[in-house]
Amino acid sequence: MCRAVFLDRDGVINAAIYNSVEDKLDSPYSLDEFRVLPGVAMGVRMINDLGFQVLVASNQPGLAKGKCSAEFLEELRDRLAASLAEERARLDGIYYCLHHPEAVVPSLRGVCECRKPRPGLLLKAASERDIDLANSFMIGDQPTDIEAGAAAGCRTVLLNGHATTSRPETLIASPDHVAVDLLAAAGIIQSLEGEN
């Protein structure tokens, strides 16, 4: 069996964008808005070098909500791959949940098993890629990421963007580790590998 590090996308790999209409952070819906966060390529390359598959596992309901097209998601995937490749880093796969309970696209409306905090994306990847989830990690910046990782049996790393010691009280499942960003999370995994 192989091991994987699952990454949420928005807020972990790329910057989330402030949506003034909905007054919240949202996914980028144009290539001009898409910006890979500092240190991400180096962090992904560190994880690549440790022998883990690097897989994106992300709720992306923009298609369901009519905010973007399937073609845009493909263009963004290609832009991300090219950006990482410039620093010799790679993703081994991308798993998106495209559903949403209030979708305007009928075929994508409903409650599914792949929308985090449910672990469906991770379980699907594990089944398709023969992944040992107990020796894998989920890295995310939201409670839903940590809950999905814990439900799948992965070790979890919460990115909190400011301090490596605080843990939000709202988490149902506590993260195994807390890091400021993806590069720091990769460093934690590297340290743990050194202990084995």
Protein backbone atom coordinates (compact mmCIF):
# COMPACT_ATOMS: atom_id res chain seq x y z
CA MET A 1 0.00 0.00 0.00
CA CYS A 2 1.10 3.60 -0.54
CA ARG A 3 0.73 6.65 1.64
CA ALA A 4 -0.77 10.02 0.79
CA VAL A 5 -0.95 13.56 2.01
CA PHE A 6 -4.37 15.02 1.24
CA LEU A 7 -4.55 18.79 0.83
CA ASP A 8 -7.55 21.05 0.92
CA ARG A 9 -7.28 23.63 -1.86
CA ASP A 10 -8.53 27.14 -1.02
CA GLY A 11 -6.61 28.61 1.91
CA VAL A 12 -4.05 25.80 1.83
CA ILE A 13 -2.69 25.76 -1.74
CA ASN A 14 -4.10 29.02 -3.07
CA ALA A 15 -5.44 32.19 -1.54
CA ALA A 16 -9.16 32.36 -0.84
CA ILE A 17 -10.89 35.40 -2.33
CA TYR A 18 -13.18 37.76 -0.42
CA ASN A 19 -16.70 37.66 -1.90
CA SER A 20 -18.26 41.03 -1.05
CA VAL A 21 -21.76 39.95 -2.18
CA GLU A 22 -21.84 37.01 0.25
CA ASP A 23 -19.49 38.69 2.77
CA LYS A 24 -17.23 35.64 3.07
CA LEU A 25 -14.06 34.08 1.72
CA ASP A 26 -14.67 32.02 -1.41
CA SER A 27 -12.85 30.14 -4.15
CA PRO A 28 -11.26 32.07 -7.01
CA TYR A 29 -13.57 32.06 -10.04
CA SER A 30 -11.20 33.57 -12.58
CA LEU A 31 -7.61 32.71 -13.43
CA ASP A 32 -6.66 36.32 -12.58
CA GLU A 33 -7.82 35.68 -8.98
CA PHE A 34 -5.88 32.43 -8.65
CA ARG A 35 -2.67 32.81 -6.63
CA VAL A 36 -0.59 29.99 -5.18
CA LEU A 37 0.36 30.83 -1.60
CA PRO A 38 4.02 31.41 -0.66
CA GLY A 39 5.94 28.26 0.24
CA VAL A 40 3.34 25.89 -1.23
CA ALA A 41 5.52 24.53 -4.06
CA MET A 42 8.40 23.93 -1.67
CA GLY A 43 6.09 22.19 0.80
CA VAL A 44 4.59 19.98 -1.92
CA ARG A 45 8.08 19.11 -3.19
CA MET A 46 9.15 18.14 0.36
CA ILE A 47 6.15 15.81 0.58
CA ASN A 48 6.91 14.41 -2.91
CA ASP A 49 10.48 13.71 -1.80
CA LEU A 50 9.24 11.82 1.28
CA GLY A 51 7.49 9.35 -1.03
CA PHE A 52 3.88 10.32 -0.29
CA GLN A 53 1.30 10.80 -3.01
CA VAL A 54 0.06 14.39 -2.87
CA LEU A 55 -3.68 14.56 -3.50
CA VAL A 56 -6.08 17.48 -3.39
CA ALA A 57 -9.34 16.70 -1.57
CA SER A 58 -11.58 19.74 -1.72
CA ASN A 59 -15.22 20.83 -1.65
CA GLN A 60 -15.69 22.87 -4.84
CA PRO A 61 -19.40 23.71 -5.15
CA GLY A 62 -18.85 26.61 -7.57
CA LEU A 63 -20.10 24.55 -10.51
CA ALA A 64 -23.20 23.48 -8.55
CA LYS A 65 -23.88 27.11 -7.60
CA GLY A 66 -23.45 28.37 -11.17
CA LYS A 67 -20.32 30.38 -10.29
CA CYS A 68 -17.96 28.59 -12.68
CA SER A 69 -17.81 26.03 -15.46
CA ALA A 70 -16.23 22.58 -15.64
CA GLU A 71 -13.81 24.05 -18.19
CA PHE A 72 -12.68 26.66 -15.66
CA LEU A 73 -11.91 23.95 -13.09
CA GLU A 74 -9.76 22.21 -15.72
CA GLU A 75 -7.97 25.46 -16.60
CA LEU A 76 -7.30 26.15 -12.94
CA ARG A 77 -5.98 22.60 -12.48
CA ASP A 78 -3.57 23.14 -15.40
CA ARG A 79 -2.47 26.53 -14.03
CA LEU A 80 -1.78 24.97 -10.62
CA ALA A 81 0.17 22.06 -12.13
CA ALA A 82 2.29 24.46 -14.19
CA SER A 83 2.97 26.68 -11.18
CA LEU A 84 4.11 23.73 -9.07
CA ALA A 85 6.19 22.25 -11.90
CA GLU A 86 8.23 25.45 -12.07
CA GLU A 87 9.64 24.44 -8.67
CA ARG A 88 9.79 20.68 -9.40
CA ALA A 89 6.71 19.89 -7.33
CA ARG A 90 3.70 17.86 -8.43
CA LEU A 91 0.21 16.80 -7.45
CA ASP A 92 -0.59 13.14 -8.02
CA GLY A 93 -4.34 13.65 -8.23
CA ILE A 94 -7.26 15.94 -7.55
CA TYR A 95 -10.52 14.87 -5.92
CA TYR A 96 -13.30 17.46 -5.85
CA CYS A 97 -16.76 17.26 -4.35
CA LEU A 98 -18.86 19.29 -6.79
CA HIS A 99 -22.16 18.87 -4.91
CA HIS A 100 -24.05 21.29 -2.71
CA PRO A 101 -27.39 20.92 -0.87
CA GLU A 102 -28.63 24.21 -2.38
CA ALA A 103 -27.19 23.81 -5.88
CA VAL A 104 -28.82 25.60 -8.81
CA VAL A 105 -27.67 22.72 -11.05
CA PRO A 106 -30.18 19.92 -10.29
CA SER A 107 -27.75 17.05 -10.97
CA LEU A 108 -25.35 18.45 -8.34
CA ARG A 109 -27.97 19.22 -5.66
CA GLY A 110 -28.16 17.04 -2.59
CA VAL A 111 -26.38 15.62 0.40
CA CYS A 112 -23.54 13.35 -0.67
CA GLU A 113 -20.85 11.23 0.96
CA CYS A 114 -17.98 13.13 -0.66
CA ARG A 115 -18.65 16.60 0.77
CA LYS A 116 -16.37 17.23 3.72
CA PRO A 117 -16.71 16.77 6.69
CA ARG A 118 -17.73 13.36 5.34
CA PRO A 119 -14.69 11.29 4.33
CA GLY A 120 -15.92 10.15 0.92
CA LEU A 121 -13.22 11.90 -1.14
CA LEU A 122 -10.45 10.33 0.92
CA LEU A 123 -12.09 6.90 0.87
CA LYS A 124 -12.53 7.06 -2.90
CA ALA A 125 -8.87 7.99 -3.39
CA ALA A 126 -7.78 5.21 -1.02
CA SER A 127 -9.83 2.66 -2.94
CA GLU A 128 -8.57 3.80 -6.35
CA ARG A 129 -4.92 4.18 -5.33
CA ASP A 130 -4.44 1.50 -2.66
CA ILE A 131 -3.68 4.08 0.05
CA ASP A 132 -2.98 3.19 3.66
CA LEU A 133 -5.11 5.88 5.33
CA ALA A 134 -3.76 5.18 8.83
CA ASN A 135 -0.30 6.20 7.60
CA SER A 136 -1.54 9.17 5.59
CA PHE A 137 -2.27 12.82 6.45
CA MET A 138 -5.02 15.36 5.80
CA ILE A 139 -3.91 19.02 5.80
CA GLY A 140 -6.60 21.69 5.85
CA ASP A 141 -7.53 25.09 7.19
CA GLN A 142 -11.14 24.35 8.18
CA PRO A 143 -12.79 22.15 10.82
CA THR A 144 -14.44 20.16 8.00
CA ASP A 145 -10.99 19.16 6.70
CA ILE A 146 -9.92 17.88 10.11
CA GLU A 147 -13.20 16.03 10.64
CA ALA A 148 -12.96 14.36 7.21
CA GLY A 149 -9.37 13.32 7.81
CA ALA A 150 -10.14 11.94 11.26
CA ALA A 151 -13.21 10.06 9.95
CA ALA A 152 -11.03 8.46 7.26
CA GLY A 153 -8.45 7.42 9.85
CA CYS A 154 -5.71 9.84 8.72
CA ARG A 155 -3.47 11.93 10.91
CA THR A 156 -4.46 15.57 10.58
CA VAL A 157 -2.74 18.95 10.42
CA LEU A 158 -4.73 22.15 10.87
CA LEU A 159 -3.36 25.28 9.22
CA ASN A 160 -4.34 28.27 11.34
CA GLY A 161 -2.33 30.98 9.63
CA HIS A 162 -0.93 32.67 12.72
CA ALA A 163 0.28 30.47 15.58
CA THR A 164 1.47 26.90 15.79
CA THR A 165 0.12 26.24 19.28
CA SER A 166 -3.51 27.38 19.39
CA ARG A 167 -6.36 25.06 18.48
CA PRO A 168 -9.85 26.39 17.72
CA GLU A 169 -12.44 25.41 20.30
CA THR A 170 -15.04 24.76 17.56
CA LEU A 171 -13.39 21.60 16.26
CA ILE A 172 -15.35 18.40 16.73
CA ALA A 173 -12.22 16.39 15.97
CA SER A 174 -8.97 17.79 17.34
CA PRO A 175 -6.08 17.96 14.86
CA ASP A 176 -3.01 15.86 15.57
CA HIS A 177 -0.81 18.83 14.67
CA VAL A 178 -1.20 22.56 14.04
CA ALA A 179 0.93 24.56 11.59
CA VAL A 180 1.01 28.08 10.25
CA ASP A 181 1.03 27.07 6.55
CA LEU A 182 1.61 24.17 4.15
CA LEU A 183 5.40 24.51 4.24
CA ALA A 184 5.37 24.24 8.04
CA ALA A 185 3.01 21.25 7.83
CA ALA A 186 5.40 19.55 5.41
CA GLY A 187 8.15 20.17 7.96
CA ILE A 188 6.08 18.42 10.63
CA ILE A 189 5.60 15.40 8.38
CA GLN A 190 9.32 15.38 7.56
CA SER A 191 10.16 15.42 11.28
CA LEU A 192 7.75 12.58 11.98
CA GLU A 193 9.31 10.56 9.16
CA GLY A 194 12.71 11.11 10.73
CA GLU A 195 11.44 9.53 13.95
CA ASN A 196 10.50 6.30 12.16
